[in-house]
Amino acid sequence: MSNKNESVCPVTGGCDKLSCLLSKVGINRSLLITLALLPFAWNGAAFVVTSVVGAWNALSSKISG
């Protein structure tokens, strides 16, 4: 038998109704924070790709004449 107290949330020490409902379907605070920050991370990745492509195009145009 486990020693866990299943009625208490491990993060906050207690559950409100929404937290308990979300934890039952596998959604936790960490996942919500990750999903909230994902658009900003995607913008950063798109910026890096655009910068690399621009640098590559500039370099190849200098080399080809």
Protein backbone atom coordinates (compact mmCIF):
# COMPACT_ATOMS: atom_id res chain seq x y z
CA MET A 1 0.00 0.00 0.00
CA SER A 2 1.32 3.45 -0.85
CA ASN A 3 1.94 6.21 1.64
CA LYS A 4 0.58 8.89 -0.70
CA ASN A 5 -2.34 11.01 0.30
CA GLU A 6 -4.28 11.09 -2.98
CA SER A 7 -6.71 13.77 -1.84
CA VAL A 8 -4.02 16.49 -1.62
CA CYS A 9 -2.36 18.09 -4.63
CA PRO A 10 1.43 17.69 -4.53
CA VAL A 11 2.12 21.22 -5.79
CA THR A 12 -0.09 23.43 -3.69
CA GLY A 13 -0.90 21.14 -0.78
CA GLY A 14 -4.59 21.40 -1.52
CA CYS A 15 -6.95 21.39 -4.48
CA ASP A 16 -9.55 23.79 -5.61
CA LYS A 17 -12.22 22.40 -7.92
CA LEU A 18 -10.52 23.48 -11.15
CA SER A 19 -7.08 22.15 -10.18
CA CYS A 20 -8.50 18.80 -9.16
CA LEU A 21 -10.49 18.53 -12.37
CA LEU A 22 -7.49 19.41 -14.55
CA SER A 23 -5.17 17.05 -12.67
CA LYS A 24 -7.60 14.17 -13.23
CA VAL A 25 -7.21 14.57 -17.00
CA GLY A 26 -3.42 14.98 -16.79
CA ILE A 27 -3.09 18.76 -17.08
CA ASN A 28 -0.83 20.34 -14.50
CA ARG A 29 0.53 23.83 -13.87
CA SER A 30 3.79 23.08 -15.68
CA LEU A 31 1.97 22.10 -18.86
CA LEU A 32 -0.15 25.25 -18.76
CA ILE A 33 2.96 27.43 -18.38
CA THR A 34 4.64 25.62 -21.26
CA LEU A 35 1.63 26.10 -23.50
CA ALA A 36 1.46 29.79 -22.56
CA LEU A 37 5.11 30.35 -23.49
CA LEU A 38 5.06 28.29 -26.69
CA PRO A 39 4.07 31.16 -29.04
CA PHE A 40 6.98 33.25 -27.79
CA ALA A 41 9.38 30.34 -28.27
CA TRP A 42 8.02 29.80 -31.78
CA ASN A 43 8.61 33.47 -32.64
CA GLY A 44 12.20 33.13 -31.43
CA ALA A 45 12.77 30.00 -33.50
CA ALA A 46 11.28 31.70 -36.57
CA PHE A 47 13.59 34.69 -35.99
CA VAL A 48 16.66 32.45 -35.84
CA VAL A 49 15.65 30.62 -39.02
CA THR A 50 15.01 33.89 -40.83
CA SER A 51 18.37 35.25 -39.68
CA VAL A 52 20.26 32.15 -40.82
CA VAL A 53 18.52 32.15 -44.21
CA GLY A 54 19.25 35.86 -44.65
CA ALA A 55 22.91 35.40 -43.74
CA TRP A 56 23.16 32.42 -46.11
CA ASN A 57 21.59 34.40 -48.96
CA ALA A 58 23.89 37.37 -48.34
CA LEU A 59 26.95 35.14 -48.24
CA SER A 60 26.00 33.19 -51.35
CA SER A 61 25.27 36.39 -53.30
CA LYS A 62 28.72 37.78 -52.36
CA ILE A 63 30.41 34.56 -53.46
CA SER A 64 28.53 34.20 -56.76
CA GLY A 65 29.26 37.74 -57.70
